[in-house]
């Protein structure tokens, strides 16, 4: 399960963990914990049978932050990729289980203004060779998280009116689509050995489901949403895809939890 909580304490107060306990999930990747680890130490943040690992933002308290909850103890947990400006915002955590890596990613949004959009572009350019190297490594990867980018008009209700807005800009979409091997509207498929598979799009080639809705107006009530939360998987893991589901209800955040089932 991947879930942008938009504040894990807030989501918990709305019953997220009570709901989560019933889902039979092995791994939960959280984005936007918006808390320091010591603020999430109470029992209500630790469902029975799970352990958790956190990467907080050190640049600003109550900002960003990612986490991984797991039933099984990882062999290793990594929390940095080597660029302090990115790492210290709490945007990456990786749990390793044998040859499987599960990552919780929170890619920056550029919606607050030009400086953050420029930082987003810098992150995109910096991440590309890292993601390519991961594909070449021979490990199985599942990249969960809020990527803050739609891939095509299938992934956003108001395509035309958002062409100049962060998250739907041509440069962003081109970057994400050239990472992915599966074709979507406006983007051709790559060599399957040379890219990432978008789990939702593989399982629902023409699906028009969303994972985020603005808090403005009645966007959620009218399903005026964006699909910006993904599970991108490497080639070996793509063969294990079985099913997926987005849970727009109950509402724990402005994002919906996204669950993918993989075969053993």
Protein backbone atom coordinates (compact mmCIF):
# COMPACT_ATOMS: atom_id res chain seq x y z
CA UNK A 1 0.00 0.00 0.00
CA UNK A 2 1.16 3.51 -0.85
CA UNK A 3 -0.51 6.44 0.90
CA UNK A 4 0.20 10.16 1.14
CA UNK A 5 -1.22 10.86 4.58
CA UNK A 6 -0.89 14.66 4.41
CA UNK A 7 -0.02 14.42 8.10
CA UNK A 8 0.10 10.95 9.65
CA UNK A 9 -1.21 12.20 12.98
CA UNK A 10 -4.19 13.74 11.19
CA UNK A 11 -4.87 10.56 9.19
CA UNK A 12 -4.62 8.45 12.35
CA UNK A 13 -7.14 10.68 14.12
CA UNK A 14 -9.55 10.01 11.24
CA UNK A 15 -9.27 6.26 11.75
CA UNK A 16 -6.64 5.34 9.16
CA UNK A 17 -4.89 2.69 11.24
CA UNK A 18 -8.19 1.13 12.34
CA UNK A 19 -9.07 0.78 8.66
CA UNK A 20 -5.57 -0.34 7.71
CA UNK A 21 -5.60 -3.25 10.19
CA UNK A 22 -8.40 -4.86 8.15
CA UNK A 23 -6.60 -4.67 4.81
CA UNK A 24 -4.08 -7.55 5.17
CA UNK A 25 -1.19 -5.47 3.84
CA UNK A 26 2.41 -6.68 4.08
CA UNK A 27 4.10 -3.34 3.38
CA UNK A 28 2.82 0.21 3.82
CA UNK A 29 4.69 3.15 2.28
CA UNK A 30 3.71 6.54 3.72
CA UNK A 31 4.47 9.99 2.35
CA UNK A 32 4.01 13.33 4.09
CA UNK A 33 4.16 12.11 7.66
CA UNK A 34 4.57 15.80 8.61
CA UNK A 35 6.04 14.78 11.95
CA UNK A 36 9.29 13.83 13.65
CA UNK A 37 9.72 10.17 14.60
CA UNK A 38 9.36 10.86 18.33
CA UNK A 39 5.91 12.36 17.64
CA UNK A 40 4.81 9.03 16.15
CA UNK A 41 6.01 6.78 18.96
CA UNK A 42 2.62 6.21 20.65
CA UNK A 43 0.95 2.78 20.30
CA UNK A 44 -1.81 4.15 18.06
CA UNK A 45 0.80 4.66 15.31
CA UNK A 46 1.98 1.03 15.46
CA UNK A 47 -0.62 -1.53 14.37
CA UNK A 48 -0.09 -4.92 15.98
CA UNK A 49 2.31 -7.05 13.96
CA UNK A 50 4.06 -4.15 12.24
CA UNK A 51 7.33 -2.32 12.72
CA UNK A 52 8.00 1.10 11.24
CA UNK A 53 10.95 3.10 9.95
CA UNK A 54 10.87 6.86 9.37
CA UNK A 55 12.84 9.48 7.48
CA UNK A 56 11.91 12.90 8.81
CA UNK A 57 12.53 16.30 7.28
CA UNK A 58 15.35 18.09 9.08
CA UNK A 59 14.98 21.31 7.10
CA UNK A 60 11.59 22.15 8.56
CA UNK A 61 9.59 20.49 11.33
CA UNK A 62 6.13 19.28 10.42
CA UNK A 63 7.07 19.07 6.74
CA UNK A 64 7.32 16.21 4.24
CA UNK A 65 8.64 12.95 5.77
CA UNK A 66 8.32 9.34 4.61
CA UNK A 67 7.90 6.00 6.35
CA UNK A 68 7.68 2.26 5.72
CA UNK A 69 5.62 -0.14 7.85
CA UNK A 70 6.40 -3.84 7.47
CA UNK A 71 5.32 -7.12 9.00
CA UNK A 72 8.74 -8.54 8.25
CA UNK A 73 12.07 -7.16 9.44
CA UNK A 74 14.03 -5.79 6.46
CA UNK A 75 17.61 -6.84 5.91
CA UNK A 76 18.51 -3.17 5.53
CA UNK A 77 16.83 0.25 5.58
CA UNK A 78 18.29 3.17 3.63
CA UNK A 79 17.27 6.80 4.10
CA UNK A 80 19.58 8.83 1.84
CA UNK A 81 20.55 8.99 -1.82
CA UNK A 82 23.51 11.34 -1.42
CA UNK A 83 22.12 14.80 -2.13
CA UNK A 84 21.47 16.65 1.10
CA UNK A 85 19.04 19.15 -0.40
CA UNK A 86 16.74 16.24 -1.28
CA UNK A 87 17.53 13.84 1.54
CA UNK A 88 17.09 16.37 4.34
CA UNK A 89 13.53 17.10 3.20
CA UNK A 90 12.62 13.51 4.11
CA UNK A 91 11.66 12.25 0.65
CA UNK A 92 13.16 8.76 0.38
CA UNK A 93 13.28 5.59 2.44
CA UNK A 94 14.06 2.10 1.14
CA UNK A 95 13.56 -1.29 2.79
CA UNK A 96 15.53 -4.23 1.41
CA UNK A 97 14.36 -7.85 1.67
CA UNK A 98 16.79 -10.15 -0.12
CA UNK A 99 16.78 -9.06 -3.76
CA UNK A 100 13.60 -6.97 -3.32
CA UNK A 101 13.71 -3.23 -2.62
CA UNK A 102 10.57 -1.33 -1.60
CA UNK A 103 10.90 2.47 -1.72
CA UNK A 104 8.66 5.19 -0.34
CA UNK A 105 9.22 8.30 -2.47
CA UNK A 106 7.84 11.81 -2.17
CA UNK A 107 8.75 13.82 -5.26
CA UNK A 108 8.54 17.60 -4.72
CA UNK A 109 5.59 19.64 -5.90
CA UNK A 110 6.17 22.83 -7.82
CA UNK A 111 2.74 24.29 -7.21
CA UNK A 112 3.89 26.83 -4.61
CA UNK A 113 5.92 28.85 -7.12
CA UNK A 114 8.82 29.00 -9.54
CA UNK A 115 11.63 28.25 -7.02
CA UNK A 116 10.02 24.96 -6.02
CA UNK A 117 9.23 24.09 -9.63
CA UNK A 118 12.89 24.59 -10.47
CA UNK A 119 13.85 22.36 -7.54
CA UNK A 120 11.44 19.74 -8.86
CA UNK A 121 13.18 19.84 -12.24
CA UNK A 122 16.55 19.49 -10.53
CA UNK A 123 15.27 16.45 -8.62
CA UNK A 124 13.96 14.90 -11.82
CA UNK A 125 17.30 15.35 -13.63
CA UNK A 126 19.27 14.06 -10.64
CA UNK A 127 17.03 11.03 -10.05
CA UNK A 128 17.06 9.77 -13.64
CA UNK A 129 20.52 8.15 -13.59
CA UNK A 130 19.83 6.72 -10.13
CA UNK A 131 16.64 5.07 -11.36
CA UNK A 132 18.44 3.77 -14.46
CA UNK A 133 21.16 2.29 -12.28
CA UNK A 134 18.57 0.55 -10.11
CA UNK A 135 17.13 -1.09 -13.22
CA UNK A 136 20.58 -2.32 -14.22
CA UNK A 137 21.31 -3.66 -10.73
CA UNK A 138 19.32 -6.87 -11.15
CA UNK A 139 17.33 -6.20 -7.97
CA UNK A 140 13.53 -6.26 -7.94
CA UNK A 141 12.16 -2.80 -7.16
CA UNK A 142 8.77 -1.40 -6.15
CA UNK A 143 8.82 2.41 -6.11
CA UNK A 144 5.80 3.60 -4.13
CA UNK A 145 4.81 7.17 -3.63
CA UNK A 146 3.48 10.54 -4.56
CA UNK A 147 5.28 11.60 -7.75
CA UNK A 148 3.26 14.82 -8.19
CA UNK A 149 2.99 14.23 -11.96
CA UNK A 150 0.21 12.84 -14.15
CA UNK A 151 1.13 10.75 -17.19
CA UNK A 152 -1.71 11.54 -19.60
CA UNK A 153 -5.24 12.84 -19.96
CA UNK A 154 -6.45 9.52 -18.54
CA UNK A 155 -4.92 10.54 -15.22
CA UNK A 156 -6.57 13.92 -14.70
CA UNK A 157 -10.13 15.14 -14.95
CA UNK A 158 -9.43 18.62 -16.32
CA UNK A 159 -6.64 17.96 -18.81
CA UNK A 160 -6.89 21.08 -20.94
CA UNK A 161 -7.18 23.63 -18.16
CA UNK A 162 -4.16 22.21 -16.30
CA UNK A 163 -1.62 22.26 -19.14
CA UNK A 164 0.28 25.15 -17.54
CA UNK A 165 0.03 23.89 -13.96
CA UNK A 166 2.71 22.00 -12.04
CA UNK A 167 2.09 18.28 -12.16
CA UNK A 168 0.74 18.40 -15.71
CA UNK A 169 3.52 20.34 -17.46
CA UNK A 170 4.88 18.78 -20.69
CA UNK A 171 8.44 18.53 -19.33
CA UNK A 172 7.22 16.66 -16.24
CA UNK A 173 5.02 14.28 -18.21
CA UNK A 174 7.77 13.56 -20.73
CA UNK A 175 10.19 12.73 -17.91
CA UNK A 176 7.79 10.30 -16.23
CA UNK A 177 6.62 8.72 -19.46
CA UNK A 178 10.16 8.11 -20.68
CA UNK A 179 10.83 6.30 -17.40
CA UNK A 180 7.89 3.95 -18.00
CA UNK A 181 7.75 1.01 -20.40
CA UNK A 182 3.97 0.71 -20.67
CA UNK A 183 2.27 2.87 -23.27
CA UNK A 184 -0.31 5.42 -22.24
CA UNK A 185 -2.18 8.03 -24.23
CA UNK A 186 0.38 10.33 -25.82
CA UNK A 187 3.38 8.14 -24.94
CA UNK A 188 4.80 5.06 -26.66
CA UNK A 189 5.98 1.96 -24.86
CA UNK A 190 9.72 1.46 -24.31
CA UNK A 191 11.73 -1.72 -24.45
CA UNK A 192 10.39 -3.67 -21.43
CA UNK A 193 13.95 -4.41 -20.32
CA UNK A 194 14.80 -0.72 -20.15
CA UNK A 195 12.19 0.97 -18.00
CA UNK A 196 9.71 0.93 -15.16
CA UNK A 197 6.16 -0.43 -15.30
CA UNK A 198 3.31 1.66 -13.90
CA UNK A 199 1.42 -1.02 -11.95
CA UNK A 200 -1.97 0.66 -12.25
CA UNK A 201 -1.62 1.31 -16.00
CA UNK A 202 -0.46 -2.25 -16.68
CA UNK A 203 -3.50 -3.64 -14.88
CA UNK A 204 -5.95 -0.97 -16.12
CA UNK A 205 -4.77 0.23 -19.56
CA UNK A 206 -7.77 2.54 -20.02
CA UNK A 207 -8.52 3.20 -16.36
CA UNK A 208 -9.47 6.72 -15.27
CA UNK A 209 -9.17 6.53 -11.50
CA UNK A 210 -7.63 9.27 -9.37
CA UNK A 211 -5.58 9.33 -6.17
CA UNK A 212 -5.63 13.04 -5.24
CA UNK A 213 -8.28 15.74 -5.13
CA UNK A 214 -7.90 19.42 -4.34
CA UNK A 215 -9.44 20.62 -1.09
CA UNK A 216 -10.88 23.57 -2.98
CA UNK A 217 -14.51 23.63 -3.98
CA UNK A 218 -16.18 20.27 -4.33
CA UNK A 219 -13.36 18.53 -6.21
CA UNK A 220 -13.67 15.28 -4.29
CA UNK A 221 -17.45 15.19 -4.38
CA UNK A 222 -17.35 15.72 -8.15
CA UNK A 223 -14.37 13.40 -8.65
CA UNK A 224 -12.26 16.15 -10.19
CA UNK A 225 -9.00 14.42 -9.43
CA UNK A 226 -5.47 13.58 -10.48
CA UNK A 227 -3.61 10.25 -10.48
CA UNK A 228 -0.22 11.19 -9.06
CA UNK A 229 0.40 8.27 -6.65
CA UNK A 230 2.15 5.30 -8.25
CA UNK A 231 3.81 1.98 -7.79
CA UNK A 232 6.50 1.74 -10.46
CA UNK A 233 8.09 -1.69 -10.71
CA UNK A 234 11.10 -3.25 -12.39
CA UNK A 235 10.74 -5.92 -15.06
CA UNK A 236 10.90 -9.00 -12.79
CA UNK A 237 8.37 -7.49 -10.42
CA UNK A 238 6.03 -6.60 -13.28
CA UNK A 239 5.56 -10.33 -13.94
CA UNK A 240 4.19 -10.65 -10.38
CA UNK A 241 1.44 -8.04 -10.76
CA UNK A 242 -1.97 -9.51 -9.94
CA UNK A 243 -4.43 -6.74 -9.08
CA UNK A 244 -4.67 -3.24 -7.67
CA UNK A 245 -7.20 -0.97 -6.03
CA UNK A 246 -7.51 2.70 -5.12
CA UNK A 247 -9.57 3.53 -2.00
CA UNK A 248 -11.12 7.02 -2.34
CA UNK A 249 -13.31 6.26 0.68
CA UNK A 250 -13.08 6.56 3.64
CA UNK A 251 -11.30 9.91 3.50
CA UNK A 252 -8.16 10.05 5.60
CA UNK A 253 -6.29 12.60 3.47
CA UNK A 254 -6.58 14.55 0.23
CA UNK A 255 -4.94 11.42 -1.28
CA UNK A 256 -6.35 7.89 -1.50
CA UNK A 257 -4.47 4.74 -0.43
CA UNK A 258 -3.31 2.67 -3.41
CA UNK A 259 -2.88 -1.10 -2.96
CA UNK A 260 -1.21 -3.54 -5.35
CA UNK A 261 -1.22 -7.32 -4.93
CA UNK A 262 1.86 -9.22 -6.13
CA UNK A 263 2.26 -12.96 -6.49
CA UNK A 264 4.84 -14.70 -4.32
